Structure formats: C-alpha cells, structure tokens
Amino acid sequence: MSRPSEYTYKSTPSKLIKLFRDARDNWKRKYLESIKHNKYLKNRIRFLETSKQKYKDRVESLQYEIDHLQAQLLKANNAESAPKKTKISPR
C-alpha cells in the first residue's frame, strides 16, 4: 500500500528519477566546490598573515638600524663641531 502523494507529477517516474538525481548531484558538486574554495581562502589568509608579520619584523629591524646609524652620525657631527683645544704658543 502506497502512501498518497500530495504531489502529482505528469512526467514518467524514470524522467523524475533522473531529474532528482541530477539535482542532487549538482547540489553535492556545488557544496564540495564551496568547501574547497573555503579551504583555499583559509590557507591564503594564513599565508598573508605570516607574510605580513615577516615584513613587519623586517621593518622594525631596519628602523632600529636607521636609528642606530643616525645616533652615530649625530655623535660624529657633534665631535667635529666641538671646539678643539689648542695650545697657545708663548710670544
């Protein structure tokens, strides 16, 4: 005894089976593609975050080096501009 269906289809069951199977397969394919794309995006984000941190560390290192060299240059300029002690020769 079959249960009465609330839907009545005019197409043959074989055509309906193919239609429903194709719809299911398309849904699965789209779902798997979205999972793959999501994984790709997560990996891309992780790569970009590590790359960003690497360059941030490099900038900090170079900034420290610049500050150090500027301090040395300032110290050298101050040493040159300081009045030199000269011996006063007797006349």
PDB file of N, CA and C in Angstrom:
ATOM      1  N   MET A   1       0.829  -1.171   0.000  1.00  0.00           N
ATOM      2  CA  MET A   1       0.000   0.000   0.000  1.00  0.00           C
ATOM      3  C   MET A   1       0.881   1.245   0.000  1.00  0.00           C
ATOM      4  N   SER A   2       0.684   2.036  -0.956  1.00  0.00           N
ATOM      5  CA  SER A   2       1.490   3.239  -1.045  1.00  0.00           C
ATOM      6  C   SER A   2       0.763   4.402  -0.392  1.00  0.00           C
ATOM      7  N   ARG A   3       1.569   5.293   0.092  1.00  0.00           N
ATOM      8  CA  ARG A   3       1.031   6.480   0.741  1.00  0.00           C
ATOM      9  C   ARG A   3       0.589   7.463  -0.333  1.00  0.00           C
ATOM     10  N   PRO A   4      -0.536   8.089  -0.165  1.00  0.00           N
ATOM     11  CA  PRO A   4      -0.949   9.049  -1.197  1.00  0.00           C
ATOM     12  C   PRO A   4      -0.005  10.244  -1.201  1.00  0.00           C
ATOM     13  N   SER A   5       0.439  10.640  -2.364  1.00  0.00           N
ATOM     14  CA  SER A   5       1.374  11.750  -2.513  1.00  0.00           C
ATOM     15  C   SER A   5       0.602  13.054  -2.662  1.00  0.00           C
ATOM     16  N   GLU A   6       1.127  14.079  -2.050  1.00  0.00           N
ATOM     17  CA  GLU A   6       0.468  15.374  -2.203  1.00  0.00           C
ATOM     18  C   GLU A   6       0.827  16.018  -3.534  1.00  0.00           C
ATOM     19  N   TYR A   7       1.882  15.499  -4.179  1.00  0.00           N
ATOM     20  CA  TYR A   7       2.278  15.999  -5.490  1.00  0.00           C
ATOM     21  C   TYR A   7       1.865  14.981  -6.543  1.00  0.00           C
ATOM     22  N   THR A   8       1.363  15.462  -7.597  1.00  0.00           N
ATOM     23  CA  THR A   8       1.091  14.579  -8.733  1.00  0.00           C
ATOM     24  C   THR A   8       1.929  15.084  -9.892  1.00  0.00           C
ATOM     25  N   TYR A   9       2.754  14.191 -10.403  1.00  0.00           N
ATOM     26  CA  TYR A   9       3.648  14.538 -11.494  1.00  0.00           C
ATOM     27  C   TYR A   9       3.084  13.994 -12.797  1.00  0.00           C
ATOM     28  N   LYS A  10       3.262  14.770 -13.833  1.00  0.00           N
ATOM     29  CA  LYS A  10       2.810  14.327 -15.143  1.00  0.00           C
ATOM     30  C   LYS A  10       3.892  13.536 -15.871  1.00  0.00           C
ATOM     31  N   SER A  11       5.153  13.737 -15.451  1.00  0.00           N
ATOM     32  CA  SER A  11       6.272  13.042 -16.095  1.00  0.00           C
ATOM     33  C   SER A  11       6.354  11.612 -15.601  1.00  0.00           C
ATOM     34  N   THR A  12       7.047  10.823 -16.377  1.00  0.00           N
ATOM     35  CA  THR A  12       7.209   9.413 -16.001  1.00  0.00           C
ATOM     36  C   THR A  12       8.181   9.311 -14.843  1.00  0.00           C
ATOM     37  N   PRO A  13       8.073   8.281 -14.023  1.00  0.00           N
ATOM     38  CA  PRO A  13       8.992   8.128 -12.888  1.00  0.00           C
ATOM     39  C   PRO A  13      10.463   8.066 -13.311  1.00  0.00           C
ATOM     40  N   SER A  14      10.775   7.451 -14.443  1.00  0.00           N
ATOM     41  CA  SER A  14      12.177   7.371 -14.866  1.00  0.00           C
ATOM     42  C   SER A  14      12.749   8.764 -15.143  1.00  0.00           C
ATOM     43  N   LYS A  15      11.957   9.642 -15.747  1.00  0.00           N
ATOM     44  CA  LYS A  15      12.422  11.012 -16.001  1.00  0.00           C
ATOM     45  C   LYS A  15      12.552  11.782 -14.684  1.00  0.00           C
ATOM     46  N   LEU A  16      11.630  11.565 -13.778  1.00  0.00           N
ATOM     47  CA  LEU A  16      11.700  12.236 -12.479  1.00  0.00           C
ATOM     48  C   LEU A  16      12.924  11.784 -11.688  1.00  0.00           C
ATOM     49  N   ILE A  17      13.186  10.491 -11.736  1.00  0.00           N
ATOM     50  CA  ILE A  17      14.359   9.959 -11.026  1.00  0.00           C
ATOM     51  C   ILE A  17      15.624  10.615 -11.565  1.00  0.00           C
ATOM     52  N   LYS A  18      15.738  10.699 -12.895  1.00  0.00           N
ATOM     53  CA  LYS A  18      16.918  11.341 -13.487  1.00  0.00           C
ATOM     54  C   LYS A  18      17.003  12.812 -13.079  1.00  0.00           C
ATOM     55  N   LEU A  19      15.878  13.517 -13.104  1.00  0.00           N
ATOM     56  CA  LEU A  19      15.847  14.925 -12.723  1.00  0.00           C
ATOM     57  C   LEU A  19      16.285  15.113 -11.267  1.00  0.00           C
ATOM     58  N   PHE A  20      15.728  14.320 -10.374  1.00  0.00           N
ATOM     59  CA  PHE A  20      16.078  14.441  -8.952  1.00  0.00           C
ATOM     60  C   PHE A  20      17.533  14.037  -8.692  1.00  0.00           C
ATOM     61  N   ARG A  21      17.998  13.002  -9.398  1.00  0.00           N
ATOM     62  CA  ARG A  21      19.392  12.562  -9.234  1.00  0.00           C
ATOM     63  C   ARG A  21      20.347  13.666  -9.703  1.00  0.00           C
ATOM     64  N   ASP A  22      20.029  14.269 -10.848  1.00  0.00           N
ATOM     65  CA  ASP A  22      20.878  15.348 -11.365  1.00  0.00           C
ATOM     66  C   ASP A  22      20.876  16.552 -10.416  1.00  0.00           C
ATOM     67  N   ALA A  23      19.716  16.871  -9.883  1.00  0.00           N
ATOM     68  CA  ALA A  23      19.631  17.991  -8.935  1.00  0.00           C
ATOM     69  C   ALA A  23      20.467  17.708  -7.699  1.00  0.00           C
ATOM     70  N   ARG A  24      20.372  16.487  -7.189  1.00  0.00           N
ATOM     71  CA  ARG A  24      21.165  16.106  -6.021  1.00  0.00           C
ATOM     72  C   ARG A  24      22.661  16.170  -6.333  1.00  0.00           C
ATOM     73  N   ASP A  25      23.056  15.643  -7.481  1.00  0.00           N
ATOM     74  CA  ASP A  25      24.475  15.642  -7.863  1.00  0.00           C
ATOM     75  C   ASP A  25      25.002  17.059  -8.037  1.00  0.00           C
ATOM     76  N   ASN A  26      24.203  17.949  -8.623  1.00  0.00           N
ATOM     77  CA  ASN A  26      24.620  19.345  -8.781  1.00  0.00           C
ATOM     78  C   ASN A  26      24.788  20.021  -7.425  1.00  0.00           C
ATOM     79  N   TRP A  27      23.862  19.728  -6.516  1.00  0.00           N
ATOM     80  CA  TRP A  27      23.960  20.296  -5.172  1.00  0.00           C
ATOM     81  C   TRP A  27      25.233  19.816  -4.480  1.00  0.00           C
ATOM     82  N   LYS A  28      25.524  18.530  -4.580  1.00  0.00           N
ATOM     83  CA  LYS A  28      26.739  17.986  -3.949  1.00  0.00           C
ATOM     84  C   LYS A  28      27.991  18.603  -4.563  1.00  0.00           C
ATOM     85  N   ARG A  29      27.991  18.748  -5.898  1.00  0.00           N
ATOM     86  CA  ARG A  29      29.158  19.316  -6.570  1.00  0.00           C
ATOM     87  C   ARG A  29      29.404  20.751  -6.108  1.00  0.00           C
ATOM     88  N   LYS A  30      28.330  21.544  -6.051  1.00  0.00           N
ATOM     89  CA  LYS A  30      28.468  22.934  -5.594  1.00  0.00           C
ATOM     90  C   LYS A  30      28.933  22.989  -4.143  1.00  0.00           C
ATOM     91  N   TYR A  31      28.410  22.100  -3.321  1.00  0.00           N
ATOM     92  CA  TYR A  31      28.799  22.058  -1.912  1.00  0.00           C
ATOM     93  C   TYR A  31      30.288  21.727  -1.769  1.00  0.00           C
ATOM     94  N   LEU A  32      30.758  20.716  -2.510  1.00  0.00           N
ATOM     95  CA  LEU A  32      32.177  20.342  -2.434  1.00  0.00           C
ATOM     96  C   LEU A  32      33.071  21.458  -2.965  1.00  0.00           C
ATOM     97  N   GLU A  33      32.626  22.144  -4.020  1.00  0.00           N
ATOM     98  CA  GLU A  33      33.404  23.272  -4.540  1.00  0.00           C
ATOM     99  C   GLU A  33      33.491  24.391  -3.505  1.00  0.00           C
ATOM    100  N   SER A  34      32.404  24.641  -2.801  1.00  0.00           N
ATOM    101  CA  SER A  34      32.433  25.697  -1.781  1.00  0.00           C
ATOM    102  C   SER A  34      33.356  25.318  -0.627  1.00  0.00           C
ATOM    103  N   ILE A  35      33.400  24.039  -0.267  1.00  0.00           N
ATOM    104  CA  ILE A  35      34.315  23.594   0.785  1.00  0.00           C
ATOM    105  C   ILE A  35      35.764  23.783   0.339  1.00  0.00           C
ATOM    106  N   LYS A  36      36.065  23.404  -0.901  1.00  0.00           N
ATOM    107  CA  LYS A  36      37.428  23.571  -1.421  1.00  0.00           C
ATOM    108  C   LYS A  36      37.821  25.043  -1.472  1.00  0.00           C
ATOM    109  N   HIS A  37      36.898  25.887  -1.919  1.00  0.00           N
ATOM    110  CA  HIS A  37      37.189  27.321  -2.005  1.00  0.00           C
ATOM    111  C   HIS A  37      37.395  27.915  -0.610  1.00  0.00           C
ATOM    112  N   ASN A  38      36.598  27.479   0.336  1.00  0.00           N
ATOM    113  CA  ASN A  38      36.741  27.937   1.719  1.00  0.00           C
ATOM    114  C   ASN A  38      38.111  27.548   2.270  1.00  0.00           C
ATOM    115  N   LYS A  39      38.547  26.325   1.999  1.00  0.00           N
ATOM    116  CA  LYS A  39      39.863  25.864   2.457  1.00  0.00           C
ATOM    117  C   LYS A  39      40.968  26.692   1.796  1.00  0.00           C
ATOM    118  N   TYR A  40      40.830  26.966   0.498  1.00  0.00           N
ATOM    119  CA  TYR A  40      41.813  27.789  -0.206  1.00  0.00           C
ATOM    120  C   TYR A  40      41.920  29.173   0.442  1.00  0.00           C
ATOM    121  N   LEU A  41      40.764  29.778   0.739  1.00  0.00           N
ATOM    122  CA  LEU A  41      40.772  31.118   1.328  1.00  0.00           C
ATOM    123  C   LEU A  41      41.399  31.110   2.722  1.00  0.00           C
ATOM    124  N   LYS A  42      41.128  30.076   3.514  1.00  0.00           N
ATOM    125  CA  LYS A  42      41.737  29.987   4.842  1.00  0.00           C
ATOM    126  C   LYS A  42      43.257  29.863   4.739  1.00  0.00           C
ATOM    127  N   ASN A  43      43.720  29.044   3.799  1.00  0.00           N
ATOM    128  CA  ASN A  43      45.168  28.904   3.607  1.00  0.00           C
ATOM    129  C   ASN A  43      45.783  30.216   3.125  1.00  0.00           C
ATOM    130  N   ARG A  44      45.094  30.903   2.252  1.00  0.00           N
ATOM    131  CA  ARG A  44      45.587  32.185   1.734  1.00  0.00           C
ATOM    132  C   ARG A  44      45.690  33.216   2.853  1.00  0.00           C
ATOM    133  N   ILE A  45      44.686  33.251   3.720  1.00  0.00           N
ATOM    134  CA  ILE A  45      44.708  34.176   4.856  1.00  0.00           C
ATOM    135  C   ILE A  45      45.882  33.861   5.764  1.00  0.00           C
ATOM    136  N   ARG A  46      46.099  32.579   6.060  1.00  0.00           N
ATOM    137  CA  ARG A  46      47.211  32.190   6.923  1.00  0.00           C
ATOM    138  C   ARG A  46      48.547  32.598   6.308  1.00  0.00           C
ATOM    139  N   PHE A  47      48.700  32.382   4.994  1.00  0.00           N
ATOM    140  CA  PHE A  47      49.926  32.777   4.310  1.00  0.00           C
ATOM    141  C   PHE A  47      50.136  34.285   4.390  1.00  0.00           C
ATOM    142  N   LEU A  48      49.080  35.049   4.127  1.00  0.00           N
ATOM    143  CA  LEU A  48      49.205  36.512   4.139  1.00  0.00           C
ATOM    144  C   LEU A  48      49.501  37.046   5.531  1.00  0.00           C
ATOM    145  N   GLU A  49      48.944  36.413   6.553  1.00  0.00           N
ATOM    146  CA  GLU A  49      49.231  36.857   7.921  1.00  0.00           C
ATOM    147  C   GLU A  49      50.691  36.606   8.281  1.00  0.00           C
ATOM    148  N   THR A  50      51.228  35.441   7.914  1.00  0.00           N
ATOM    149  CA  THR A  50      52.636  35.168   8.215  1.00  0.00           C
ATOM    150  C   THR A  50      53.547  36.084   7.406  1.00  0.00           C
ATOM    151  N   SER A  51      53.185  36.331   6.153  1.00  0.00           N
ATOM    152  CA  SER A  51      53.975  37.228   5.308  1.00  0.00           C
ATOM    153  C   SER A  51      53.963  38.644   5.879  1.00  0.00           C
ATOM    154  N   LYS A  52      52.806  39.084   6.307  1.00  0.00           N
ATOM    155  CA  LYS A  52      52.684  40.415   6.905  1.00  0.00           C
ATOM    156  C   LYS A  52      53.551  40.531   8.149  1.00  0.00           C
ATOM    157  N   GLN A  53      53.544  39.506   8.989  1.00  0.00           N
ATOM    158  CA  GLN A  53      54.347  39.537  10.209  1.00  0.00           C
ATOM    159  C   GLN A  53      55.835  39.548   9.875  1.00  0.00           C
ATOM    160  N   LYS A  54      56.225  38.785   8.852  1.00  0.00           N
ATOM    161  CA  LYS A  54      57.632  38.752   8.443  1.00  0.00           C
ATOM    162  C   LYS A  54      58.104  40.136   8.017  1.00  0.00           C
ATOM    163  N   TYR A  55      57.302  40.811   7.188  1.00  0.00           N
ATOM    164  CA  TYR A  55      57.686  42.142   6.729  1.00  0.00           C
ATOM    165  C   TYR A  55      57.623  43.170   7.847  1.00  0.00           C
ATOM    166  N   LYS A  56      56.698  43.002   8.768  1.00  0.00           N
ATOM    167  CA  LYS A  56      56.607  43.902   9.917  1.00  0.00           C
ATOM    168  C   LYS A  56      57.872  43.786  10.768  1.00  0.00           C
ATOM    169  N   ASP A  57      58.333  42.555  10.996  1.00  0.00           N
ATOM    170  CA  ASP A  57      59.573  42.344  11.753  1.00  0.00           C
ATOM    171  C   ASP A  57      60.761  42.954  11.017  1.00  0.00           C
ATOM    172  N   ARG A  58      60.785  42.802   9.704  1.00  0.00           N
ATOM    173  CA  ARG A  58      61.886  43.352   8.899  1.00  0.00           C
ATOM    174  C   ARG A  58      61.910  44.878   8.994  1.00  0.00           C
ATOM    175  N   VAL A  59      60.741  45.513   8.944  1.00  0.00           N
ATOM    176  CA  VAL A  59      60.655  46.974   9.055  1.00  0.00           C
ATOM    177  C   VAL A  59      61.161  47.424  10.420  1.00  0.00           C
ATOM    178  N   GLU A  60      60.760  46.714  11.472  1.00  0.00           N
ATOM    179  CA  GLU A  60      61.229  47.075  12.813  1.00  0.00           C
ATOM    180  C   GLU A  60      62.746  46.953  12.915  1.00  0.00           C
ATOM    181  N   SER A  61      63.297  45.907  12.325  1.00  0.00           N
ATOM    182  CA  SER A  61      64.739  45.712  12.337  1.00  0.00           C
ATOM    183  C   SER A  61      65.448  46.850  11.597  1.00  0.00           C
ATOM    184  N   LEU A  62      64.944  47.201  10.437  1.00  0.00           N
ATOM    185  CA  LEU A  62      65.563  48.282   9.661  1.00  0.00           C
ATOM    186  C   LEU A  62      65.399  49.634  10.358  1.00  0.00           C
ATOM    187  N   GLN A  63      64.265  49.848  11.018  1.00  0.00           N
ATOM    188  CA  GLN A  63      64.058  51.101  11.739  1.00  0.00           C
ATOM    189  C   GLN A  63      65.060  51.220  12.886  1.00  0.00           C
ATOM    190  N   TYR A  64      65.320  50.109  13.576  1.00  0.00           N
ATOM    191  CA  TYR A  64      66.305  50.113  14.650  1.00  0.00           C
ATOM    192  C   TYR A  64      67.694  50.454  14.093  1.00  0.00           C
ATOM    193  N   GLU A  65      68.015  49.863  12.950  1.00  0.00           N
ATOM    194  CA  GLU A  65      69.315  50.119  12.326  1.00  0.00           C
ATOM    195  C   GLU A  65      69.436  51.591  11.903  1.00  0.00           C
ATOM    196  N   ILE A  66      68.376  52.150  11.359  1.00  0.00           N
ATOM    197  CA  ILE A  66      68.386  53.565  10.968  1.00  0.00           C
ATOM    198  C   ILE A  66      68.613  54.448  12.184  1.00  0.00           C
ATOM    199  N   ASP A  67      67.883  54.177  13.258  1.00  0.00           N
ATOM    200  CA  ASP A  67      68.040  54.975  14.477  1.00  0.00           C
ATOM    201  C   ASP A  67      69.468  54.888  15.014  1.00  0.00           C
ATOM    202  N   HIS A  68      70.032  53.692  14.992  1.00  0.00           N
ATOM    203  CA  HIS A  68      71.396  53.485  15.480  1.00  0.00           C
ATOM    204  C   HIS A  68      72.399  54.277  14.633  1.00  0.00           C
ATOM    205  N   LEU A  69      72.256  54.219  13.307  1.00  0.00           N
ATOM    206  CA  LEU A  69      73.181  54.928  12.420  1.00  0.00           C
ATOM    207  C   LEU A  69      73.024  56.443  12.539  1.00  0.00           C
ATOM    208  N   GLN A  70      71.794  56.913  12.725  1.00  0.00           N
ATOM    209  CA  GLN A  70      71.588  58.351  12.904  1.00  0.00           C
ATOM    210  C   GLN A  70      72.222  58.835  14.203  1.00  0.00           C
ATOM    211  N   ALA A  71      72.154  58.021  15.240  1.00  0.00           N
ATOM    212  CA  ALA A  71      72.787  58.392  16.506  1.00  0.00           C
ATOM    213  C   ALA A  71      74.302  58.466  16.336  1.00  0.00           C
ATOM    214  N   GLN A  72      74.875  57.511  15.608  1.00  0.00           N
ATOM    215  CA  GLN A  72      76.323  57.538  15.360  1.00  0.00           C
ATOM    216  C   GLN A  72      76.702  58.778  14.548  1.00  0.00           C
ATOM    217  N   LEU A  73      75.918  59.112  13.548  1.00  0.00           N
ATOM    218  CA  LEU A  73      76.195  60.282  12.720  1.00  0.00           C
ATOM    219  C   LEU A  73      76.098  61.560  13.539  1.00  0.00           C
ATOM    220  N   LEU A  74      75.094  61.665  14.376  1.00  0.00           N
ATOM    221  CA  LEU A  74      74.940  62.828  15.236  1.00  0.00           C
ATOM    222  C   LEU A  74      76.120  62.951  16.194  1.00  0.00           C
ATOM    223  N   LYS A  75      76.547  61.837  16.729  1.00  0.00           N
ATOM    224  CA  LYS A  75      77.686  61.835  17.646  1.00  0.00           C
ATOM    225  C   LYS A  75      78.952  62.283  16.917  1.00  0.00           C
ATOM    226  N   ALA A  76      79.139  61.820  15.688  1.00  0.00           N
ATOM    227  CA  ALA A  76      80.319  62.205  14.904  1.00  0.00           C
ATOM    228  C   ALA A  76      80.265  63.693  14.548  1.00  0.00           C
ATOM    229  N   ASN A  77      79.105  64.198  14.199  1.00  0.00           N
ATOM    230  CA  ASN A  77      78.972  65.620  13.876  1.00  0.00           C
ATOM    231  C   ASN A  77      79.213  66.495  15.103  1.00  0.00           C
ATOM    232  N   ASN A  78      78.743  66.054  16.260  1.00  0.00           N
ATOM    233  CA  ASN A  78      78.978  66.804  17.491  1.00  0.00           C
ATOM    234  C   ASN A  78      80.458  66.821  17.858  1.00  0.00           C
ATOM    235  N   ALA A  79      81.158  65.749  17.611  1.00  0.00           N
ATOM    236  CA  ALA A  79      82.583  65.678  17.920  1.00  0.00           C
ATOM    237  C   ALA A  79      83.372  66.634  17.005  1.00  0.00           C
ATOM    238  N   GLU A  80      82.977  66.768  15.758  1.00  0.00           N
ATOM    239  CA  GLU A  80      83.664  67.660  14.822  1.00  0.00           C
ATOM    240  C   GLU A  80      83.401  69.122  15.152  1.00  0.00           C
ATOM    241  N   SER A  81      82.194  69.440  15.545  1.00  0.00           N
ATOM    242  CA  SER A  81      81.852  70.836  15.773  1.00  0.00           C
ATOM    243  C   SER A  81      82.281  71.332  17.154  1.00  0.00           C
ATOM    244  N   ALA A  82      82.668  70.436  18.029  1.00  0.00           N
ATOM    245  CA  ALA A  82      83.121  70.855  19.360  1.00  0.00           C
ATOM    246  C   ALA A  82      84.426  71.633  19.219  1.00  0.00           C
ATOM    247  N   PRO A  83      84.597  72.679  20.002  1.00  0.00           N
ATOM    248  CA  PRO A  83      85.841  73.450  19.894  1.00  0.00           C
ATOM    249  C   PRO A  83      87.032  72.587  20.304  1.00  0.00           C
ATOM    250  N   LYS A  84      88.065  72.698  19.503  1.00  0.00           N
ATOM    251  CA  LYS A  84      89.261  71.913  19.784  1.00  0.00           C
ATOM    252  C   LYS A  84      90.153  72.693  20.736  1.00  0.00           C
ATOM    253  N   LYS A  85      90.786  71.950  21.579  1.00  0.00           N
ATOM    254  CA  LYS A  85      91.734  72.573  22.489  1.00  0.00           C
ATOM    255  C   LYS A  85      93.044  72.775  21.733  1.00  0.00           C
ATOM    256  N   THR A  86      93.498  73.994  21.745  1.00  0.00           N
ATOM    257  CA  THR A  86      94.759  74.286  21.052  1.00  0.00           C
ATOM    258  C   THR A  86      95.737  74.857  22.071  1.00  0.00           C
ATOM    259  N   LYS A  87      96.949  74.568  21.812  1.00  0.00           N
ATOM    260  CA  LYS A  87      97.983  75.120  22.686  1.00  0.00           C
ATOM    261  C   LYS A  87      98.252  76.562  22.273  1.00  0.00           C
ATOM    262  N   ILE A  88      98.318  77.367  23.267  1.00  0.00           N
ATOM    263  CA  ILE A  88      98.634  78.751  22.986  1.00  0.00           C
ATOM    264  C   ILE A  88     100.152  78.869  23.072  1.00  0.00           C
ATOM    265  N   SER A  89     100.685  79.305  21.983  1.00  0.00           N
ATOM    266  CA  SER A  89     102.164  79.413  21.968  1.00  0.00           C
ATOM    267  C   SER A  89     102.593  80.736  22.602  1.00  0.00           C
ATOM    268  N   PRO A  90     103.647  80.690  23.405  1.00  0.00           N
ATOM    269  CA  PRO A  90     104.133  81.939  24.018  1.00  0.00           C
ATOM    270  C   PRO A  90     104.779  82.824  22.982  1.00  0.00           C
ATOM    271  N   ARG A  91     104.624  84.092  23.095  1.00  0.00           N
ATOM    272  CA  ARG A  91     105.203  85.013  22.139  1.00  0.00           C
ATOM    273  C   ARG A  91     106.481  85.560  22.618  1.00  0.00           C
TER     274      ARG A  91
END
